[in-house]
Protein backbone atom coordinates (compact mmCIF):
# COMPACT_ATOMS: atom_id res chain seq x y z
CA MET A 1 0.32 -0.54 0.15
CA ARG A 2 1.52 3.53 -0.61
CA LEU A 3 0.08 6.90 -1.73
CA LEU A 4 0.14 7.71 -4.72
CA VAL A 5 0.63 11.06 -5.57
CA THR A 6 0.60 11.90 -9.56
CA TYR A 7 2.38 15.59 -9.84
CA GLY A 8 0.71 17.28 -13.28
CA LYS A 9 -1.18 19.38 -15.18
CA ARG A 10 -4.50 17.74 -15.00
CA GLY A 11 -3.88 17.28 -10.80
CA LYS A 12 -6.07 18.78 -7.86
CA CYS A 13 -4.93 22.33 -7.40
CA ILE A 14 -4.96 23.54 -3.71
CA PRO A 15 -4.44 27.46 -2.51
CA ASP A 16 -1.06 27.23 -0.97
CA LEU A 17 -3.36 29.13 1.90
CA THR A 18 -4.98 25.97 2.33
CA VAL A 19 -2.39 23.57 1.77
CA PRO A 20 -1.92 22.79 5.36
CA PHE A 21 -5.44 21.34 6.16
CA TRP A 22 -5.42 19.69 2.64
CA ALA A 23 -3.07 17.76 3.94
CA GLU A 24 -4.35 16.72 6.71
CA SER A 25 -6.93 15.64 5.25
CA VAL A 26 -5.00 13.73 2.92
CA VAL A 27 -3.70 11.48 5.75
CA SER A 28 -7.05 10.80 7.19
CA ASP A 29 -8.49 9.80 3.96
CA TYR A 30 -4.89 7.70 3.32
CA ASN A 31 -5.48 5.87 7.33
CA LEU A 32 -9.16 5.22 6.18
CA HIS A 33 -8.60 3.69 2.52
CA LYS A 34 -5.45 1.68 4.09
CA GLN A 35 -7.91 -0.14 6.97
CA HIS A 36 -10.67 -0.51 3.60
CA SER A 37 -8.30 -1.77 1.20
CA PRO A 38 -4.97 -2.70 2.08
CA ASP A 39 -3.47 -4.16 -1.24
CA LYS A 40 -4.59 -1.17 -3.43
CA ASP A 41 -2.32 1.97 -3.37
CA TYR A 42 -4.33 5.69 -3.10
CA GLU A 43 -4.03 8.10 -5.91
CA LEU A 44 -3.68 11.80 -5.20
CA PRO A 45 -3.44 13.97 -8.41
CA VAL A 46 -2.15 17.51 -7.34
CA CYS A 47 -0.85 19.95 -9.48
CA THR A 48 1.58 22.62 -7.10
CA GLU A 49 4.90 21.95 -5.73
CA THR A 50 3.16 23.40 -1.93
CA MET A 51 1.09 20.57 -2.44
CA VAL A 52 3.64 18.08 -2.87
CA LEU A 53 6.17 19.76 -0.44
CA SER A 54 3.34 19.83 2.17
CA LEU A 55 3.48 16.03 1.55
CA ARG A 56 7.10 15.28 1.81
CA VAL A 57 7.36 17.91 5.62
CA LEU A 58 4.20 15.35 7.05
CA ALA A 59 7.32 12.30 5.67
CA SER A 60 10.16 14.21 7.63
CA LYS A 61 7.44 14.38 10.41
CA GLY A 62 6.39 10.27 10.73
CA ILE A 63 2.91 11.17 10.13
CA ILE A 64 2.82 9.94 6.53
CA PRO A 65 5.65 6.19 6.76
CA TYR A 66 8.38 8.05 4.71
CA ASN A 67 8.53 4.43 2.81
CA GLU A 68 4.95 4.92 1.51
CA LEU A 69 5.11 8.34 0.11
CA VAL A 70 5.25 8.09 -3.66
CA PHE A 71 5.20 10.89 -6.49
CA VAL A 72 4.72 9.68 -10.21
CA PHE A 73 5.99 12.43 -12.44
CA GLU A 74 5.65 11.15 -16.66
CA GLY A 75 5.73 7.61 -15.38
CA GLU A 76 8.77 7.66 -13.05
CA GLU A 77 8.07 6.96 -9.82
CA ILE A 78 10.26 9.28 -7.00
CA THR A 79 10.96 7.87 -3.25
CA VAL A 80 11.65 9.96 -0.15
CA SER A 81 14.24 9.65 2.27
CA GLU A 82 12.91 9.48 5.99
CA GLY A 83 13.95 13.37 5.80
CA GLY A 84 11.08 14.03 3.26
CA ARG A 85 13.89 14.49 0.68
CA ILE A 86 13.79 13.53 -2.63
CA LYS A 87 16.91 11.37 -3.85
CA LYS A 88 16.21 11.27 -7.58
CA TRP A 89 14.67 14.60 -9.06
CA PRO A 90 13.84 14.45 -12.56
CA LYS A 91 14.15 18.10 -14.63
CA GLY A 92 10.77 19.36 -14.54
CA PHE A 93 9.50 17.71 -11.50
CA CYS A 94 8.92 20.93 -9.21
CA ASP A 95 10.94 23.33 -10.17
CA ILE A 96 9.02 26.07 -11.30
CA GLN A 97 9.33 28.00 -8.83
CA LEU A 98 13.43 27.71 -7.99
CA ASP A 99 13.58 28.22 -11.61
CA MET A 100 12.21 31.68 -10.96
CA ILE A 101 14.41 32.57 -8.05
CA ASP A 102 16.84 31.23 -10.27
CA GLU A 103 15.74 33.90 -12.95
CA LEU A 104 15.28 36.57 -10.43
CA LEU A 105 19.12 36.23 -8.38
CA SER A 106 21.13 36.34 -12.19
CA TRP A 107 18.96 39.66 -12.94
CA ASN A 108 19.33 41.15 -10.12
CA ASN A 109 23.03 40.52 -10.43
CA SER A 110 23.68 41.84 -13.42
CA SER A 111 21.25 44.98 -12.96
CA LYS A 112 23.86 45.70 -9.71
């Protein structure tokens, strides 16, 4: 049994300010699913980096077992470590904000 989180354009979008509450409900839903369908993965489509990050934080706290949390991006499964860290980070996976920050930092450095 795994919490299988697919990151992509067709996933569910939650506003950043409500993500902590959403993540708590995911934990509850996942635990219920484990009780009633222990042999079937719980599939969750998402489309924001904040949603992915919130689940990684819960894994780092042990609220979601890290070895049950699996992200899927473009057909590739992505696992996390006990600390919620991504073991192998594919290009294009949750890197939009980082790319924008890099661009801002680069622009600021060149405009001084």
